[in-house]
């Protein structure tokens, strides 16, 4: 039997023993899609912080470097590099240095950087990471970033309140920060029943930007951005063509379709277990356990290429 070539990826994100955020949210779906995933954990926690209590430790910059040097010593090569939650500026600097080293060794490596800093106006990392992300992007080498609305605002230093300011933010991320592909994973413009995602590609002095409208699922979720970024990296790698702008739109449409199934499955399961909808941002351990993403139940979805959410040109 002939097998397709194995794709190898290094994922540097958080780790929890129980639940699905960070590397725990990214690894299994990527493996389902044919990736050989090496994980380098920026934290080792018992569970995510939404439970109200957490045990474990953060990985220091020197520990991250020590593990990476071990990978270099045995000459592991990667096709892609995925970076997510890094809690401190010192550790983030090391992760970004690793990314630039990997890119120098393999210019064709796909680097997707998710600048995990916070959401809904609140930081959940040290604010000292913000200038590190800005500096890293200015250095070039990052192929795709996937901030949420709040994180994009932190990078561009102004509010995204409408389609006009969204376009301005996308252009800033492309031209000032030298990022060819930007996907803002969640946006709200005041409507209570819908959210948006934006996809944008910059090439040869031209910006191609699209918007996706998504019905809002009323529930509590964690790890959504981590799963989104992992699936997006997979789709972009698969869809690499001469027309990268169209590929980005297709990739985002496919991933949003998969995400909708995962979130609907998770929400329905949590409601069955708890006997009511879960709306709180935090809750009891029982509630948080019921709200963990149903990644195993959705294992047949990750390779699907249906597109339920169509791109509309953003002008």
C-alpha atoms as a PDB file:
ATOM      1  CA  UNK A   1       0.000   0.000   0.000  1.00  0.00           C
ATOM      2  CA  UNK A   2       1.270   3.466  -0.902  1.00  0.00           C
ATOM      3  CA  UNK A   3       1.017   6.072   1.833  1.00  0.00           C
ATOM      4  CA  UNK A   4       1.136   9.854   1.267  1.00  0.00           C
ATOM      5  CA  UNK A   5       4.253  11.652   2.553  1.00  0.00           C
ATOM      6  CA  UNK A   6       4.081  12.419   6.258  1.00  0.00           C
ATOM      7  CA  UNK A   7       3.755  16.096   7.163  1.00  0.00           C
ATOM      8  CA  UNK A   8       5.670  17.070  10.310  1.00  0.00           C
ATOM      9  CA  UNK A   9       4.738  19.916  12.598  1.00  0.00           C
ATOM     10  CA  UNK A  10       6.110  21.441  15.794  1.00  0.00           C
ATOM     11  CA  UNK A  11       3.382  22.906  17.995  1.00  0.00           C
ATOM     12  CA  UNK A  12       4.381  25.214  20.859  1.00  0.00           C
ATOM     13  CA  UNK A  13       1.380  25.891  23.082  1.00  0.00           C
ATOM     14  CA  UNK A  14      -0.082  25.192  26.504  1.00  0.00           C
ATOM     15  CA  UNK A  15      -0.820  21.701  27.822  1.00  0.00           C
ATOM     16  CA  UNK A  16      -3.545  20.553  30.190  1.00  0.00           C
ATOM     17  CA  UNK A  17      -3.881  17.038  31.558  1.00  0.00           C
ATOM     18  CA  UNK A  18      -7.690  17.248  31.556  1.00  0.00           C
ATOM     19  CA  UNK A  19      -9.655  19.017  28.837  1.00  0.00           C
ATOM     20  CA  UNK A  20      -8.970  20.497  25.450  1.00  0.00           C
ATOM     21  CA  UNK A  21      -7.071  23.745  25.080  1.00  0.00           C
ATOM     22  CA  UNK A  22      -3.690  24.526  23.528  1.00  0.00           C
ATOM     23  CA  UNK A  23      -1.769  21.488  22.357  1.00  0.00           C
ATOM     24  CA  UNK A  24      -4.521  19.200  23.644  1.00  0.00           C
ATOM     25  CA  UNK A  25      -7.001  20.913  21.312  1.00  0.00           C
ATOM     26  CA  UNK A  26      -4.632  20.968  18.334  1.00  0.00           C
ATOM     27  CA  UNK A  27      -2.810  17.635  18.335  1.00  0.00           C
ATOM     28  CA  UNK A  28      -5.556  15.040  17.853  1.00  0.00           C
ATOM     29  CA  UNK A  29      -7.358  16.858  14.992  1.00  0.00           C
ATOM     30  CA  UNK A  30      -4.032  17.388  13.216  1.00  0.00           C
ATOM     31  CA  UNK A  31      -3.143  13.717  13.648  1.00  0.00           C
ATOM     32  CA  UNK A  32      -6.545  12.789  12.194  1.00  0.00           C
ATOM     33  CA  UNK A  33      -5.567  14.856   9.155  1.00  0.00           C
ATOM     34  CA  UNK A  34      -2.244  13.086   8.639  1.00  0.00           C
ATOM     35  CA  UNK A  35       0.186  15.266  10.583  1.00  0.00           C
ATOM     36  CA  UNK A  36       3.019  13.898  12.702  1.00  0.00           C
ATOM     37  CA  UNK A  37       2.816  16.401  15.578  1.00  0.00           C
ATOM     38  CA  UNK A  38       5.671  17.140  17.986  1.00  0.00           C
ATOM     39  CA  UNK A  39       4.509  19.169  20.986  1.00  0.00           C
ATOM     40  CA  UNK A  40       6.526  21.584  23.089  1.00  0.00           C
ATOM     41  CA  UNK A  41       4.459  22.705  26.060  1.00  0.00           C
ATOM     42  CA  UNK A  42       4.640  26.278  27.371  1.00  0.00           C
ATOM     43  CA  UNK A  43       2.734  25.305  30.524  1.00  0.00           C
ATOM     44  CA  UNK A  44       1.856  21.975  32.122  1.00  0.00           C
ATOM     45  CA  UNK A  45      -1.431  22.464  33.964  1.00  0.00           C
ATOM     46  CA  UNK A  46      -3.999  20.130  35.442  1.00  0.00           C
ATOM     47  CA  UNK A  47      -6.840  21.918  33.617  1.00  0.00           C
ATOM     48  CA  UNK A  48      -7.662  25.273  32.040  1.00  0.00           C
ATOM     49  CA  UNK A  49      -8.132  28.330  34.248  1.00  0.00           C
ATOM     50  CA  UNK A  50     -11.900  28.525  33.690  1.00  0.00           C
ATOM     51  CA  UNK A  51     -12.310  25.912  36.412  1.00  0.00           C
ATOM     52  CA  UNK A  52     -11.346  28.532  38.984  1.00  0.00           C
ATOM     53  CA  UNK A  53      -8.404  26.521  40.308  1.00  0.00           C
ATOM     54  CA  UNK A  54      -5.400  25.074  38.521  1.00  0.00           C
ATOM     55  CA  UNK A  55      -2.224  23.202  39.454  1.00  0.00           C
ATOM     56  CA  UNK A  56       0.990  22.843  37.512  1.00  0.00           C
ATOM     57  CA  UNK A  57       3.921  24.840  36.224  1.00  0.00           C
ATOM     58  CA  UNK A  58       5.005  27.224  33.483  1.00  0.00           C
ATOM     59  CA  UNK A  59       7.898  26.319  31.202  1.00  0.00           C
ATOM     60  CA  UNK A  60      10.816  28.750  31.393  1.00  0.00           C
ATOM     61  CA  UNK A  61      12.602  30.203  28.397  1.00  0.00           C
ATOM     62  CA  UNK A  62      15.716  28.151  29.160  1.00  0.00           C
ATOM     63  CA  UNK A  63      13.675  24.936  29.393  1.00  0.00           C
ATOM     64  CA  UNK A  64      12.068  25.640  26.008  1.00  0.00           C
ATOM     65  CA  UNK A  65      15.512  26.235  24.485  1.00  0.00           C
ATOM     66  CA  UNK A  66      16.922  23.068  26.060  1.00  0.00           C
ATOM     67  CA  UNK A  67      14.195  20.904  24.529  1.00  0.00           C
ATOM     68  CA  UNK A  68      14.529  22.585  21.138  1.00  0.00           C
ATOM     69  CA  UNK A  69      18.304  22.074  21.140  1.00  0.00           C
ATOM     70  CA  UNK A  70      17.622  18.384  21.702  1.00  0.00           C
ATOM     71  CA  UNK A  71      15.412  18.341  18.608  1.00  0.00           C
ATOM     72  CA  UNK A  72      18.140  20.097  16.617  1.00  0.00           C
ATOM     73  CA  UNK A  73      20.711  17.564  17.814  1.00  0.00           C
ATOM     74  CA  UNK A  74      18.742  14.683  16.295  1.00  0.00           C
ATOM     75  CA  UNK A  75      18.058  16.745  13.140  1.00  0.00           C
ATOM     76  CA  UNK A  76      14.262  16.749  13.205  1.00  0.00           C
ATOM     77  CA  UNK A  77      12.851  18.624  10.199  1.00  0.00           C
ATOM     78  CA  UNK A  78       9.429  20.277  10.088  1.00  0.00           C
ATOM     79  CA  UNK A  79       6.981  21.343   7.384  1.00  0.00           C
ATOM     80  CA  UNK A  80       5.060  23.664   9.693  1.00  0.00           C
ATOM     81  CA  UNK A  81       5.343  25.537  12.984  1.00  0.00           C
ATOM     82  CA  UNK A  82       2.305  26.384  15.118  1.00  0.00           C
ATOM     83  CA  UNK A  83       2.575  28.764  18.061  1.00  0.00           C
ATOM     84  CA  UNK A  84      -0.111  29.643  20.586  1.00  0.00           C
ATOM     85  CA  UNK A  85      -0.319  30.477  24.296  1.00  0.00           C
ATOM     86  CA  UNK A  86       2.979  31.610  25.832  1.00  0.00           C
ATOM     87  CA  UNK A  87       2.497  33.237  29.265  1.00  0.00           C
ATOM     88  CA  UNK A  88       5.644  35.360  29.678  1.00  0.00           C
ATOM     89  CA  UNK A  89       7.704  37.749  27.586  1.00  0.00           C
ATOM     90  CA  UNK A  90      10.934  35.801  28.197  1.00  0.00           C
ATOM     91  CA  UNK A  91       9.397  32.513  27.047  1.00  0.00           C
ATOM     92  CA  UNK A  92       7.718  34.192  24.071  1.00  0.00           C
ATOM     93  CA  UNK A  93      11.021  35.687  22.914  1.00  0.00           C
ATOM     94  CA  UNK A  94      12.512  32.210  22.950  1.00  0.00           C
ATOM     95  CA  UNK A  95       9.582  30.701  21.041  1.00  0.00           C
ATOM     96  CA  UNK A  96       9.806  33.404  18.385  1.00  0.00           C
ATOM     97  CA  UNK A  97      13.563  32.913  18.089  1.00  0.00           C
ATOM     98  CA  UNK A  98      12.925  29.202  17.519  1.00  0.00           C
ATOM     99  CA  UNK A  99      10.428  30.122  14.805  1.00  0.00           C
ATOM    100  CA  UNK A 100      12.943  32.314  12.987  1.00  0.00           C
ATOM    101  CA  UNK A 101      15.592  29.584  13.259  1.00  0.00           C
ATOM    102  CA  UNK A 102      13.202  27.003  11.786  1.00  0.00           C
ATOM    103  CA  UNK A 103      12.295  29.403   8.986  1.00  0.00           C
ATOM    104  CA  UNK A 104      15.956  30.043   8.208  1.00  0.00           C
ATOM    105  CA  UNK A 105      16.589  26.299   7.950  1.00  0.00           C
ATOM    106  CA  UNK A 106      13.504  25.700   5.799  1.00  0.00           C
ATOM    107  CA  UNK A 107      12.129  28.768   3.981  1.00  0.00           C
ATOM    108  CA  UNK A 108       9.138  26.698   2.822  1.00  0.00           C
ATOM    109  CA  UNK A 109       8.065  25.981   6.402  1.00  0.00           C
ATOM    110  CA  UNK A 110       4.580  27.332   7.136  1.00  0.00           C
ATOM    111  CA  UNK A 111       4.533  29.377  10.357  1.00  0.00           C
ATOM    112  CA  UNK A 112       1.109  30.081  11.810  1.00  0.00           C
ATOM    113  CA  UNK A 113       1.291  32.344  14.837  1.00  0.00           C
ATOM    114  CA  UNK A 114      -1.742  32.726  17.079  1.00  0.00           C
ATOM    115  CA  UNK A 115      -0.969  35.777  19.267  1.00  0.00           C
ATOM    116  CA  UNK A 116      -2.839  34.521  22.334  1.00  0.00           C
ATOM    117  CA  UNK A 117      -3.168  37.486  24.689  1.00  0.00           C
ATOM    118  CA  UNK A 118      -6.789  37.760  25.804  1.00  0.00           C
ATOM    119  CA  UNK A 119     -10.380  38.223  24.718  1.00  0.00           C
ATOM    120  CA  UNK A 120     -13.347  40.526  25.209  1.00  0.00           C
ATOM    121  CA  UNK A 121     -11.163  43.379  26.449  1.00  0.00           C
ATOM    122  CA  UNK A 122      -9.255  41.382  29.056  1.00  0.00           C
ATOM    123  CA  UNK A 123      -5.643  40.180  28.985  1.00  0.00           C
ATOM    124  CA  UNK A 124      -4.836  36.738  30.338  1.00  0.00           C
ATOM    125  CA  UNK A 125      -1.084  36.983  29.858  1.00  0.00           C
ATOM    126  CA  UNK A 126       1.426  39.594  30.986  1.00  0.00           C
ATOM    127  CA  UNK A 127       1.136  42.829  28.987  1.00  0.00           C
ATOM    128  CA  UNK A 128       4.898  42.563  28.405  1.00  0.00           C
ATOM    129  CA  UNK A 129       4.208  40.037  25.629  1.00  0.00           C
ATOM    130  CA  UNK A 130       2.529  42.670  23.428  1.00  0.00           C
ATOM    131  CA  UNK A 131       5.752  44.385  22.253  1.00  0.00           C
ATOM    132  CA  UNK A 132       7.343  40.962  21.715  1.00  0.00           C
ATOM    133  CA  UNK A 133       4.580  39.979  19.294  1.00  0.00           C
ATOM    134  CA  UNK A 134       4.916  43.314  17.482  1.00  0.00           C
ATOM    135  CA  UNK A 135       8.704  42.945  17.215  1.00  0.00           C
ATOM    136  CA  UNK A 136       8.424  39.352  15.977  1.00  0.00           C
ATOM    137  CA  UNK A 137       5.990  40.268  13.217  1.00  0.00           C
ATOM    138  CA  UNK A 138       8.129  43.219  12.135  1.00  0.00           C
ATOM    139  CA  UNK A 139      11.054  40.822  11.640  1.00  0.00           C
ATOM    140  CA  UNK A 140       9.093  38.892   8.990  1.00  0.00           C
ATOM    141  CA  UNK A 141       8.904  35.139   8.530  1.00  0.00           C
ATOM    142  CA  UNK A 142       5.424  34.622   9.960  1.00  0.00           C
ATOM    143  CA  UNK A 143       3.089  33.380   7.208  1.00  0.00           C
ATOM    144  CA  UNK A 144      -0.286  33.518   8.955  1.00  0.00           C
ATOM    145  CA  UNK A 145      -1.626  35.132  12.131  1.00  0.00           C
ATOM    146  CA  UNK A 146      -4.978  34.311  13.737  1.00  0.00           C
ATOM    147  CA  UNK A 147      -5.804  36.945  16.372  1.00  0.00           C
ATOM    148  CA  UNK A 148      -9.274  37.462  17.732  1.00  0.00           C
ATOM    149  CA  UNK A 149     -10.714  40.981  17.640  1.00  0.00           C
ATOM    150  CA  UNK A 150      -9.180  42.087  20.946  1.00  0.00           C
ATOM    151  CA  UNK A 151      -5.755  40.701  20.046  1.00  0.00           C
ATOM    152  CA  UNK A 152      -5.824  42.395  16.638  1.00  0.00           C
ATOM    153  CA  UNK A 153      -6.675  45.679  18.380  1.00  0.00           C
ATOM    154  CA  UNK A 154      -3.689  45.258  20.716  1.00  0.00           C
ATOM    155  CA  UNK A 155      -1.379  44.773  17.716  1.00  0.00           C
ATOM    156  CA  UNK A 156      -2.662  47.723  15.644  1.00  0.00           C
ATOM    157  CA  UNK A 157      -3.341  50.004  18.642  1.00  0.00           C
ATOM    158  CA  UNK A 158      -6.859  51.097  17.707  1.00  0.00           C
ATOM    159  CA  UNK A 159     -10.382  49.724  18.077  1.00  0.00           C
ATOM    160  CA  UNK A 160     -12.056  47.632  15.381  1.00  0.00           C
ATOM    161  CA  UNK A 161     -15.648  48.876  15.546  1.00  0.00           C
ATOM    162  CA  UNK A 162     -16.939  48.546  11.971  1.00  0.00           C
ATOM    163  CA  UNK A 163     -15.942  47.263   8.526  1.00  0.00           C
ATOM    164  CA  UNK A 164     -14.013  50.469   7.826  1.00  0.00           C
ATOM    165  CA  UNK A 165     -11.772  50.093  10.890  1.00  0.00           C
ATOM    166  CA  UNK A 166     -11.479  46.358  10.168  1.00  0.00           C
ATOM    167  CA  UNK A 167     -10.052  47.115   6.723  1.00  0.00           C
ATOM    168  CA  UNK A 168      -7.672  49.640   8.269  1.00  0.00           C
ATOM    169  CA  UNK A 169      -6.534  47.029  10.809  1.00  0.00           C
ATOM    170  CA  UNK A 170      -5.980  44.380   8.136  1.00  0.00           C
ATOM    171  CA  UNK A 171      -3.948  46.809   6.028  1.00  0.00           C
ATOM    172  CA  UNK A 172      -1.846  47.742   9.084  1.00  0.00           C
ATOM    173  CA  UNK A 173      -1.136  44.079   9.874  1.00  0.00           C
ATOM    174  CA  UNK A 174      -0.128  43.490   6.251  1.00  0.00           C
ATOM    175  CA  UNK A 175       1.957  46.585   5.554  1.00  0.00           C
ATOM    176  CA  UNK A 176       3.392  47.604   8.933  1.00  0.00           C
ATOM    177  CA  UNK A 177       3.835  44.124  10.344  1.00  0.00           C
ATOM    178  CA  UNK A 178       4.710  42.329   7.082  1.00  0.00           C
ATOM    179  CA  UNK A 179       2.214  39.491   7.566  1.00  0.00           C
ATOM    180  CA  UNK A 180       0.990  38.165   4.184  1.00  0.00           C
ATOM    181  CA  UNK A 181      -2.039  36.306   5.560  1.00  0.00           C
ATOM    182  CA  UNK A 182      -4.307  37.488   8.372  1.00  0.00           C
ATOM    183  CA  UNK A 183      -7.359  35.668   9.699  1.00  0.00           C
ATOM    184  CA  UNK A 184      -9.264  37.362  12.519  1.00  0.00           C
ATOM    185  CA  UNK A 185     -11.077  34.450  14.068  1.00  0.00           C
ATOM    186  CA  UNK A 186     -13.939  36.259  15.791  1.00  0.00           C
ATOM    187  CA  UNK A 187     -15.400  39.745  15.410  1.00  0.00           C
ATOM    188  CA  UNK A 188     -18.519  41.453  16.711  1.00  0.00           C
ATOM    189  CA  UNK A 189     -19.966  44.732  15.473  1.00  0.00           C
ATOM    190  CA  UNK A 190     -22.815  45.172  17.921  1.00  0.00           C
ATOM    191  CA  UNK A 191     -25.207  42.462  16.697  1.00  0.00           C
ATOM    192  CA  UNK A 192     -26.137  40.026  19.423  1.00  0.00           C
ATOM    193  CA  UNK A 193     -27.014  37.064  17.200  1.00  0.00           C
ATOM    194  CA  UNK A 194     -23.973  36.806  14.933  1.00  0.00           C
ATOM    195  CA  UNK A 195     -20.220  36.983  14.838  1.00  0.00           C
ATOM    196  CA  UNK A 196     -17.832  37.402  11.935  1.00  0.00           C
ATOM    197  CA  UNK A 197     -14.466  36.107  10.785  1.00  0.00           C
ATOM    198  CA  UNK A 198     -12.194  37.997   8.404  1.00  0.00           C
ATOM    199  CA  UNK A 199      -9.603  36.587   6.008  1.00  0.00           C
ATOM    200  CA  UNK A 200      -7.085  38.741   4.181  1.00  0.00           C
ATOM    201  CA  UNK A 201      -4.114  38.180   1.877  1.00  0.00           C
ATOM    202  CA  UNK A 202      -1.554  40.767   0.797  1.00  0.00           C
ATOM    203  CA  UNK A 203       0.513  40.187  -2.310  1.00  0.00           C
ATOM    204  CA  UNK A 204       2.162  42.380  -4.939  1.00  0.00           C
ATOM    205  CA  UNK A 205       0.806  45.527  -3.323  1.00  0.00           C
ATOM    206  CA  UNK A 206      -2.815  44.342  -3.357  1.00  0.00           C
ATOM    207  CA  UNK A 207      -5.030  43.378  -0.421  1.00  0.00           C
ATOM    208  CA  UNK A 208      -7.739  40.754  -0.921  1.00  0.00           C
ATOM    209  CA  UNK A 209     -10.056  40.715   2.116  1.00  0.00           C
ATOM    210  CA  UNK A 210     -13.201  38.735   2.844  1.00  0.00           C
ATOM    211  CA  UNK A 211     -15.775  38.519   5.603  1.00  0.00           C
ATOM    212  CA  UNK A 212     -17.690  35.484   6.879  1.00  0.00           C
ATOM    213  CA  UNK A 213     -20.949  35.790   8.824  1.00  0.00           C
ATOM    214  CA  UNK A 214     -21.521  33.114  11.479  1.00  0.00           C
ATOM    215  CA  UNK A 215     -24.613  32.540  13.656  1.00  0.00           C
ATOM    216  CA  UNK A 216     -23.733  32.902  17.323  1.00  0.00           C
ATOM    217  CA  UNK A 217     -24.004  29.707  19.396  1.00  0.00           C
ATOM    218  CA  UNK A 218     -25.031  30.684  22.921  1.00  0.00           C
ATOM    219  CA  UNK A 219     -22.835  28.602  25.211  1.00  0.00           C
ATOM    220  CA  UNK A 220     -19.468  28.530  26.995  1.00  0.00           C
ATOM    221  CA  UNK A 221     -16.417  27.220  25.121  1.00  0.00           C
ATOM    222  CA  UNK A 222     -12.665  27.071  25.665  1.00  0.00           C
ATOM    223  CA  UNK A 223      -9.945  26.003  23.223  1.00  0.00           C
ATOM    224  CA  UNK A 224     -11.933  27.239  20.214  1.00  0.00           C
ATOM    225  CA  UNK A 225      -9.147  29.455  18.892  1.00  0.00           C
ATOM    226  CA  UNK A 226      -6.565  26.694  19.367  1.00  0.00           C
ATOM    227  CA  UNK A 227      -8.627  24.216  17.355  1.00  0.00           C
ATOM    228  CA  UNK A 228      -9.386  26.852  14.714  1.00  0.00           C
ATOM    229  CA  UNK A 229      -5.692  27.679  14.201  1.00  0.00           C
ATOM    230  CA  UNK A 230      -4.675  24.020  13.961  1.00  0.00           C
ATOM    231  CA  UNK A 231      -7.325  23.211  11.358  1.00  0.00           C
ATOM    232  CA  UNK A 232      -6.543  26.392   9.431  1.00  0.00           C
ATOM    233  CA  UNK A 233      -2.858  25.511   9.215  1.00  0.00           C
ATOM    234  CA  UNK A 234      -3.809  22.096   7.843  1.00  0.00           C
ATOM    235  CA  UNK A 235      -6.143  23.566   5.210  1.00  0.00           C
ATOM    236  CA  UNK A 236      -3.679  26.234   4.073  1.00  0.00           C
ATOM    237  CA  UNK A 237      -0.950  23.622   3.675  1.00  0.00           C
ATOM    238  CA  UNK A 238      -3.314  21.447   1.624  1.00  0.00           C
ATOM    239  CA  UNK A 239      -4.605  24.295  -0.551  1.00  0.00           C
ATOM    240  CA  UNK A 240      -1.291  25.930  -1.453  1.00  0.00           C
ATOM    241  CA  UNK A 241      -1.800  27.218  -4.977  1.00  0.00           C
ATOM    242  CA  UNK A 242      -0.702  30.099  -7.156  1.00  0.00           C
ATOM    243  CA  UNK A 243      -3.868  31.941  -6.111  1.00  0.00           C
ATOM    244  CA  UNK A 244      -3.269  32.063  -2.362  1.00  0.00           C
ATOM    245  CA  UNK A 245      -6.049  34.633  -1.820  1.00  0.00           C
ATOM    246  CA  UNK A 246      -8.699  32.168  -3.023  1.00  0.00           C
ATOM    247  CA  UNK A 247      -7.012  29.399  -1.039  1.00  0.00           C
ATOM    248  CA  UNK A 248      -7.265  31.420   2.188  1.00  0.00           C
ATOM    249  CA  UNK A 249     -10.987  32.033   1.611  1.00  0.00           C
ATOM    250  CA  UNK A 250     -11.601  28.350   0.927  1.00  0.00           C
ATOM    251  CA  UNK A 251      -9.525  27.285   3.938  1.00  0.00           C
ATOM    252  CA  UNK A 252     -11.384  29.601   6.313  1.00  0.00           C
ATOM    253  CA  UNK A 253     -14.762  28.535   4.916  1.00  0.00           C
ATOM    254  CA  UNK A 254     -13.925  24.859   5.421  1.00  0.00           C
ATOM    255  CA  UNK A 255     -12.610  25.375   8.947  1.00  0.00           C
ATOM    256  CA  UNK A 256     -15.602  27.457  10.036  1.00  0.00           C
ATOM    257  CA  UNK A 257     -17.865  24.666   8.796  1.00  0.00           C
ATOM    258  CA  UNK A 258     -16.005  22.067  10.871  1.00  0.00           C
ATOM    259  CA  UNK A 259     -15.946  24.387  13.889  1.00  0.00           C
ATOM    260  CA  UNK A 260     -19.705  24.859  13.733  1.00  0.00           C
ATOM    261  CA  UNK A 261     -20.215  21.098  14.013  1.00  0.00           C
ATOM    262  CA  UNK A 262     -17.776  20.820  16.941  1.00  0.00           C
ATOM    263  CA  UNK A 263     -19.410  23.690  18.829  1.00  0.00           C
ATOM    264  CA  UNK A 264     -22.950  22.486  18.172  1.00  0.00           C
ATOM    265  CA  UNK A 265     -21.975  18.985  19.326  1.00  0.00           C
ATOM    266  CA  UNK A 266     -20.296  20.384  22.448  1.00  0.00           C
ATOM    267  CA  UNK A 267     -23.188  22.691  23.307  1.00  0.00           C
ATOM    268  CA  UNK A 268     -25.798  19.959  22.879  1.00  0.00           C
ATOM    269  CA  UNK A 269     -23.804  17.486  24.980  1.00  0.00           C
ATOM    270  CA  UNK A 270     -23.254  20.019  27.777  1.00  0.00           C
ATOM    271  CA  UNK A 271     -26.950  20.892  27.827  1.00  0.00           C
ATOM    272  CA  UNK A 272     -27.884  17.206  28.067  1.00  0.00           C
ATOM    273  CA  UNK A 273     -25.468  16.620  30.934  1.00  0.00           C
ATOM    274  CA  UNK A 274     -26.381  19.736  32.917  1.00  0.00           C
ATOM    275  CA  UNK A 275     -30.083  19.909  32.045  1.00  0.00           C
ATOM    276  CA  UNK A 276     -29.810  23.544  30.910  1.00  0.00           C
ATOM    277  CA  UNK A 277     -27.840  25.803  28.572  1.00  0.00           C
ATOM    278  CA  UNK A 278     -24.403  26.860  29.798  1.00  0.00           C
ATOM    279  CA  UNK A 279     -24.015  30.634  29.584  1.00  0.00           C
ATOM    280  CA  UNK A 280     -21.589  31.535  32.390  1.00  0.00           C
ATOM    281  CA  UNK A 281     -17.992  32.498  31.682  1.00  0.00           C
ATOM    282  CA  UNK A 282     -16.879  30.403  34.621  1.00  0.00           C
ATOM    283  CA  UNK A 283     -18.579  27.859  36.800  1.00  0.00           C
ATOM    284  CA  UNK A 284     -18.260  24.774  38.892  1.00  0.00           C
ATOM    285  CA  UNK A 285     -15.873  21.976  37.947  1.00  0.00           C
ATOM    286  CA  UNK A 286     -18.921  19.952  36.897  1.00  0.00           C
ATOM    287  CA  UNK A 287     -20.029  22.717  34.524  1.00  0.00           C
ATOM    288  CA  UNK A 288     -16.559  23.217  33.078  1.00  0.00           C
ATOM    289  CA  UNK A 289     -16.144  19.489  32.452  1.00  0.00           C
ATOM    290  CA  UNK A 290     -19.460  19.399  30.598  1.00  0.00           C
ATOM    291  CA  UNK A 291     -18.288  22.276  28.373  1.00  0.00           C
ATOM    292  CA  UNK A 292     -14.991  20.750  27.217  1.00  0.00           C
ATOM    293  CA  UNK A 293     -14.827  20.513  23.419  1.00  0.00           C
ATOM    294  CA  UNK A 294     -16.097  17.154  22.155  1.00  0.00           C
ATOM    295  CA  UNK A 295     -13.029  16.502  20.027  1.00  0.00           C
ATOM    296  CA  UNK A 296     -13.233  12.720  20.143  1.00  0.00           C
ATOM    297  CA  UNK A 297     -16.920  12.615  19.232  1.00  0.00           C
ATOM    298  CA  UNK A 298     -16.202  14.871  16.228  1.00  0.00           C
ATOM    299  CA  UNK A 299     -13.215  12.892  14.915  1.00  0.00           C
ATOM    300  CA  UNK A 300     -14.948  12.128  11.608  1.00  0.00           C
ATOM    301  CA  UNK A 301     -15.354  15.848  10.843  1.00  0.00           C
ATOM    302  CA  UNK A 302     -11.777  17.130  10.651  1.00  0.00           C
ATOM    303  CA  UNK A 303     -11.000  16.050   7.094  1.00  0.00           C
ATOM    304  CA  UNK A 304     -14.287  17.245   5.601  1.00  0.00           C
ATOM    305  CA  UNK A 305     -14.081  19.947   2.970  1.00  0.00           C
ATOM    306  CA  UNK A 306     -17.689  21.166   2.946  1.00  0.00           C
ATOM    307  CA  UNK A 307     -18.104  24.942   2.907  1.00  0.00           C
ATOM    308  CA  UNK A 308     -21.229  26.160   4.658  1.00  0.00           C
ATOM    309  CA  UNK A 309     -19.927  29.673   5.263  1.00  0.00           C
ATOM    310  CA  UNK A 310     -19.196  31.629   2.090  1.00  0.00           C
ATOM    311  CA  UNK A 311     -16.814  34.552   1.798  1.00  0.00           C
ATOM    312  CA  UNK A 312     -18.111  37.991   0.815  1.00  0.00           C
ATOM    313  CA  UNK A 313     -15.660  40.582  -0.448  1.00  0.00           C
ATOM    314  CA  UNK A 314     -14.786  43.159   2.172  1.00  0.00           C
ATOM    315  CA  UNK A 315     -14.626  46.655   0.668  1.00  0.00           C
END
